[in-house]
């Protein structure tokens, strides 16, 4: 089914959608910003608070972890030697 939209109906759809968009955005303005109170500094409220005692930051004791080692077993060493000493691929 083929639908034809004529130039007149297209203009009507665009006009109606512009009216709807304008109606939706009618109250979206910056009038609310005029009624916000200016920023007030409140540093005076903190003057009556006594100073905190100084915190002693001690260095932590560093414990060195045990480090493992990688050792080659005799079986692995013999396999590596066999591969390296092979004369041709058939011997491997």
N, C-alpha and C. Protein backbone atom coordinates (compact mmCIF):
# COMPACT_ATOMS: atom_id res chain seq x y z
N UNK A 1 0.85 -1.17 0.00
CA UNK A 1 0.00 0.00 0.00
C UNK A 1 0.89 1.23 0.00
N UNK A 2 0.63 2.09 -0.94
CA UNK A 2 1.45 3.28 -1.09
C UNK A 2 0.69 4.47 -0.51
N UNK A 3 1.41 5.22 0.36
CA UNK A 3 0.79 6.38 0.97
C UNK A 3 1.41 7.64 0.38
N UNK A 4 0.57 8.56 -0.01
CA UNK A 4 1.07 9.81 -0.56
C UNK A 4 0.83 10.92 0.46
N UNK A 5 1.88 11.69 0.69
CA UNK A 5 1.76 12.86 1.55
C UNK A 5 1.94 14.07 0.65
N UNK A 6 0.90 14.84 0.57
CA UNK A 6 0.95 16.02 -0.31
C UNK A 6 1.70 17.15 0.38
N UNK A 7 2.04 18.15 -0.40
CA UNK A 7 2.77 19.29 0.13
C UNK A 7 1.93 20.02 1.18
N UNK A 8 0.63 20.11 0.95
CA UNK A 8 -0.25 20.80 1.89
C UNK A 8 -0.32 20.04 3.22
N UNK A 9 -0.45 18.71 3.20
CA UNK A 9 -0.54 17.94 4.44
C UNK A 9 0.80 17.93 5.17
N UNK A 10 1.91 17.94 4.42
CA UNK A 10 3.22 17.98 5.05
C UNK A 10 3.40 19.29 5.82
N UNK A 11 2.99 20.40 5.22
CA UNK A 11 3.07 21.68 5.90
C UNK A 11 2.18 21.71 7.14
N UNK A 12 1.05 21.09 7.06
CA UNK A 12 0.14 21.03 8.21
C UNK A 12 0.74 20.22 9.35
N UNK A 13 1.39 19.11 9.01
CA UNK A 13 2.01 18.27 10.04
C UNK A 13 3.17 19.02 10.70
N UNK A 14 3.97 19.70 9.91
CA UNK A 14 5.08 20.47 10.46
C UNK A 14 4.57 21.61 11.34
N UNK A 15 3.52 22.31 10.89
CA UNK A 15 2.96 23.41 11.67
C UNK A 15 2.40 22.91 13.00
N UNK A 16 1.67 21.80 12.96
CA UNK A 16 1.10 21.25 14.19
C UNK A 16 2.19 20.78 15.15
N UNK A 17 3.24 20.18 14.63
CA UNK A 17 4.31 19.72 15.52
C UNK A 17 5.07 20.91 16.11
N UNK A 18 5.23 22.01 15.37
CA UNK A 18 5.86 23.20 15.93
C UNK A 18 4.99 23.81 17.01
N UNK A 19 3.68 23.83 16.82
CA UNK A 19 2.78 24.33 17.85
C UNK A 19 2.84 23.47 19.11
N UNK A 20 2.90 22.17 18.94
CA UNK A 20 2.97 21.26 20.08
C UNK A 20 4.28 21.44 20.83
N UNK A 21 5.37 21.58 20.11
CA UNK A 21 6.68 21.80 20.73
C UNK A 21 6.71 23.13 21.48
N UNK A 22 6.13 24.15 20.90
CA UNK A 22 6.07 25.45 21.57
C UNK A 22 5.23 25.38 22.83
N UNK A 23 4.13 24.65 22.79
CA UNK A 23 3.28 24.51 23.97
C UNK A 23 3.99 23.74 25.08
N UNK A 24 4.79 22.73 24.70
CA UNK A 24 5.50 21.95 25.71
C UNK A 24 6.61 22.77 26.37
N UNK A 25 7.24 23.65 25.63
CA UNK A 25 8.37 24.41 26.15
C UNK A 25 7.97 25.81 26.62
N UNK A 26 6.68 26.08 26.80
CA UNK A 26 6.20 27.41 27.14
C UNK A 26 6.75 27.89 28.48
N UNK A 27 6.78 27.05 29.51
CA UNK A 27 7.20 27.45 30.84
C UNK A 27 8.67 27.15 31.12
N UNK A 28 9.44 26.79 30.12
CA UNK A 28 10.87 26.51 30.32
C UNK A 28 11.66 27.79 30.12
N UNK A 29 11.69 28.62 31.15
CA UNK A 29 12.46 29.84 31.05
C UNK A 29 13.29 30.02 32.31
N UNK A 30 14.00 31.10 32.42
CA UNK A 30 14.94 31.31 33.52
C UNK A 30 14.37 32.21 34.61
N UNK A 31 13.06 32.34 34.71
CA UNK A 31 12.48 33.20 35.74
C UNK A 31 12.77 32.67 37.14
N UNK A 32 12.90 31.37 37.30
CA UNK A 32 13.15 30.80 38.62
C UNK A 32 14.52 31.20 39.16
N UNK A 33 15.47 31.50 38.29
CA UNK A 33 16.82 31.86 38.74
C UNK A 33 16.85 33.23 39.40
N UNK A 34 15.89 34.08 39.14
CA UNK A 34 15.88 35.41 39.74
C UNK A 34 15.56 35.36 41.23
N UNK A 35 14.93 34.31 41.70
CA UNK A 35 14.49 34.24 43.09
C UNK A 35 15.45 33.47 43.98
N UNK A 36 16.59 33.02 43.45
CA UNK A 36 17.57 32.30 44.25
C UNK A 36 18.34 33.30 45.10
N UNK A 37 18.47 33.01 46.40
CA UNK A 37 19.20 33.90 47.29
C UNK A 37 20.67 33.87 46.93
N UNK A 38 21.36 35.00 47.10
CA UNK A 38 22.80 35.00 46.81
C UNK A 38 23.55 34.14 47.81
N UNK A 39 24.72 33.71 47.42
CA UNK A 39 25.52 32.83 48.28
C UNK A 39 25.97 33.59 49.52
N UNK A 40 25.84 32.94 50.67
CA UNK A 40 26.27 33.54 51.93
C UNK A 40 27.43 32.73 52.48
N UNK A 41 28.48 33.41 52.88
CA UNK A 41 29.62 32.73 53.47
C UNK A 41 29.28 32.32 54.90
N UNK A 42 29.63 31.10 55.27
CA UNK A 42 29.30 30.57 56.59
C UNK A 42 30.55 30.26 57.38
N UNK A 43 31.65 30.94 57.11
CA UNK A 43 32.88 30.68 57.84
C UNK A 43 32.78 31.07 59.30
N UNK A 44 31.91 32.01 59.63
CA UNK A 44 31.77 32.45 61.02
C UNK A 44 31.26 31.33 61.92
N UNK A 45 30.50 30.41 61.40
CA UNK A 45 29.96 29.32 62.21
C UNK A 45 31.06 28.35 62.64
N UNK A 46 32.17 28.32 61.93
CA UNK A 46 33.24 27.39 62.26
C UNK A 46 34.29 27.99 63.20
N UNK A 47 34.17 29.26 63.55
CA UNK A 47 35.15 29.89 64.43
C UNK A 47 35.10 29.34 65.85
N UNK A 48 33.95 28.89 66.33
CA UNK A 48 33.81 28.41 67.71
C UNK A 48 34.25 26.96 67.89
N UNK A 49 34.61 26.28 66.84
CA UNK A 49 35.03 24.88 66.93
C UNK A 49 36.51 24.85 67.31
N UNK A 50 36.87 24.11 68.37
CA UNK A 50 38.29 24.07 68.76
C UNK A 50 39.12 23.29 67.74
N UNK A 51 40.43 23.56 67.75
CA UNK A 51 41.33 22.86 66.85
C UNK A 51 41.48 21.41 67.26
N UNK A 52 41.65 20.55 66.31
CA UNK A 52 41.84 19.12 66.57
C UNK A 52 43.29 18.87 66.96
N UNK A 53 43.52 17.82 67.78
CA UNK A 53 44.91 17.51 68.13
C UNK A 53 45.66 17.01 66.89
N UNK A 54 46.97 17.21 66.91
CA UNK A 54 47.79 16.81 65.79
C UNK A 54 47.88 15.29 65.72
N UNK A 55 47.76 14.76 64.55
CA UNK A 55 47.80 13.32 64.34
C UNK A 55 49.24 12.92 64.03
N UNK A 56 49.74 11.93 64.78
CA UNK A 56 51.09 11.45 64.53
C UNK A 56 51.00 10.33 63.51
N UNK A 57 51.61 10.54 62.39
CA UNK A 57 51.56 9.54 61.32
C UNK A 57 52.86 8.74 61.35
N UNK A 58 52.76 7.55 61.92
CA UNK A 58 53.95 6.70 62.02
C UNK A 58 54.15 5.94 60.73
N UNK A 59 55.43 5.71 60.38
CA UNK A 59 55.73 4.92 59.20
C UNK A 59 55.41 3.46 59.47
N UNK A 60 54.75 2.79 58.54
CA UNK A 60 54.42 1.38 58.75
C UNK A 60 55.67 0.51 58.68
N UNK A 61 55.60 -0.62 59.38
CA UNK A 61 56.71 -1.57 59.35
C UNK A 61 56.57 -2.39 58.07
N UNK A 62 57.60 -2.38 57.27
CA UNK A 62 57.56 -3.10 55.99
C UNK A 62 58.14 -4.49 56.19
N UNK A 63 57.35 -5.48 55.90
CA UNK A 63 57.78 -6.87 56.00
C UNK A 63 58.03 -7.37 54.59
N UNK A 64 59.25 -7.78 54.33
CA UNK A 64 59.60 -8.28 53.01
C UNK A 64 58.97 -9.66 52.81
N UNK A 65 58.25 -9.86 51.71
CA UNK A 65 57.64 -11.17 51.46
C UNK A 65 58.69 -12.17 51.00
N UNK A 66 58.37 -13.44 51.22
CA UNK A 66 59.26 -14.50 50.74
C UNK A 66 59.10 -14.62 49.23
N UNK A 67 60.21 -14.55 48.55
CA UNK A 67 60.19 -14.62 47.09
C UNK A 67 60.55 -16.03 46.67
N UNK A 68 59.71 -16.61 45.86
CA UNK A 68 59.97 -17.96 45.37
C UNK A 68 60.98 -17.95 44.24
N UNK A 69 61.53 -19.09 43.97
CA UNK A 69 62.48 -19.23 42.88
C UNK A 69 61.98 -20.29 41.91
N UNK A 70 62.44 -20.17 40.69
CA UNK A 70 62.10 -21.16 39.67
C UNK A 70 63.33 -22.01 39.45
N UNK A 71 63.18 -23.29 39.68
CA UNK A 71 64.30 -24.22 39.52
C UNK A 71 63.94 -25.25 38.46
N UNK A 72 64.93 -25.61 37.67
CA UNK A 72 64.68 -26.61 36.64
C UNK A 72 64.90 -27.99 37.25
N UNK A 73 63.96 -28.86 36.98
CA UNK A 73 64.11 -30.23 37.47
C UNK A 73 65.04 -31.00 36.53
N UNK A 74 65.48 -32.14 36.98
CA UNK A 74 66.38 -32.98 36.18
C UNK A 74 65.68 -33.49 34.92
N UNK A 75 64.40 -33.81 35.02
CA UNK A 75 63.65 -34.29 33.85
C UNK A 75 63.55 -33.21 32.78
N UNK A 76 63.25 -31.96 33.21
CA UNK A 76 63.15 -30.87 32.26
C UNK A 76 64.48 -30.61 31.59
N UNK A 77 65.56 -30.65 32.36
CA UNK A 77 66.88 -30.40 31.80
C UNK A 77 67.28 -31.48 30.80
N UNK A 78 66.91 -32.73 31.09
CA UNK A 78 67.24 -33.80 30.15
C UNK A 78 66.45 -33.66 28.85
N UNK A 79 65.17 -33.25 28.92
CA UNK A 79 64.38 -33.03 27.72
C UNK A 79 64.95 -31.89 26.87
N UNK A 80 65.36 -30.81 27.51
CA UNK A 80 65.94 -29.69 26.77
C UNK A 80 67.24 -30.11 26.10
N UNK A 81 68.07 -30.88 26.80
CA UNK A 81 69.33 -31.34 26.23
C UNK A 81 69.09 -32.27 25.05
N UNK A 82 68.09 -33.16 25.14
CA UNK A 82 67.77 -34.06 24.04
C UNK A 82 67.34 -33.28 22.79
N UNK A 83 66.53 -32.24 23.01
CA UNK A 83 66.04 -31.45 21.87
C UNK A 83 67.18 -30.66 21.25
N UNK A 84 68.03 -30.06 22.08
CA UNK A 84 69.12 -29.26 21.55
C UNK A 84 70.20 -30.10 20.87
N UNK A 85 70.40 -31.34 21.32
CA UNK A 85 71.44 -32.19 20.76
C UNK A 85 70.95 -33.04 19.60
N UNK A 86 69.70 -32.94 19.23
CA UNK A 86 69.17 -33.73 18.13
C UNK A 86 69.73 -33.19 16.82
N UNK A 87 70.12 -34.09 15.94
CA UNK A 87 70.69 -33.69 14.66
C UNK A 87 69.65 -33.36 13.62
N UNK A 88 68.50 -34.04 13.64
CA UNK A 88 67.47 -33.80 12.64
C UNK A 88 66.11 -33.85 13.35
N UNK A 89 65.08 -33.48 12.62
CA UNK A 89 63.75 -33.48 13.21
C UNK A 89 63.23 -34.87 13.48
N UNK A 90 63.74 -35.85 12.80
CA UNK A 90 63.30 -37.22 13.02
C UNK A 90 63.76 -37.73 14.36
N UNK A 91 64.88 -37.28 14.87
CA UNK A 91 65.39 -37.74 16.16
C UNK A 91 64.59 -37.17 17.33
N UNK A 92 63.95 -36.03 17.13
CA UNK A 92 63.17 -35.41 18.21
C UNK A 92 61.96 -36.25 18.47
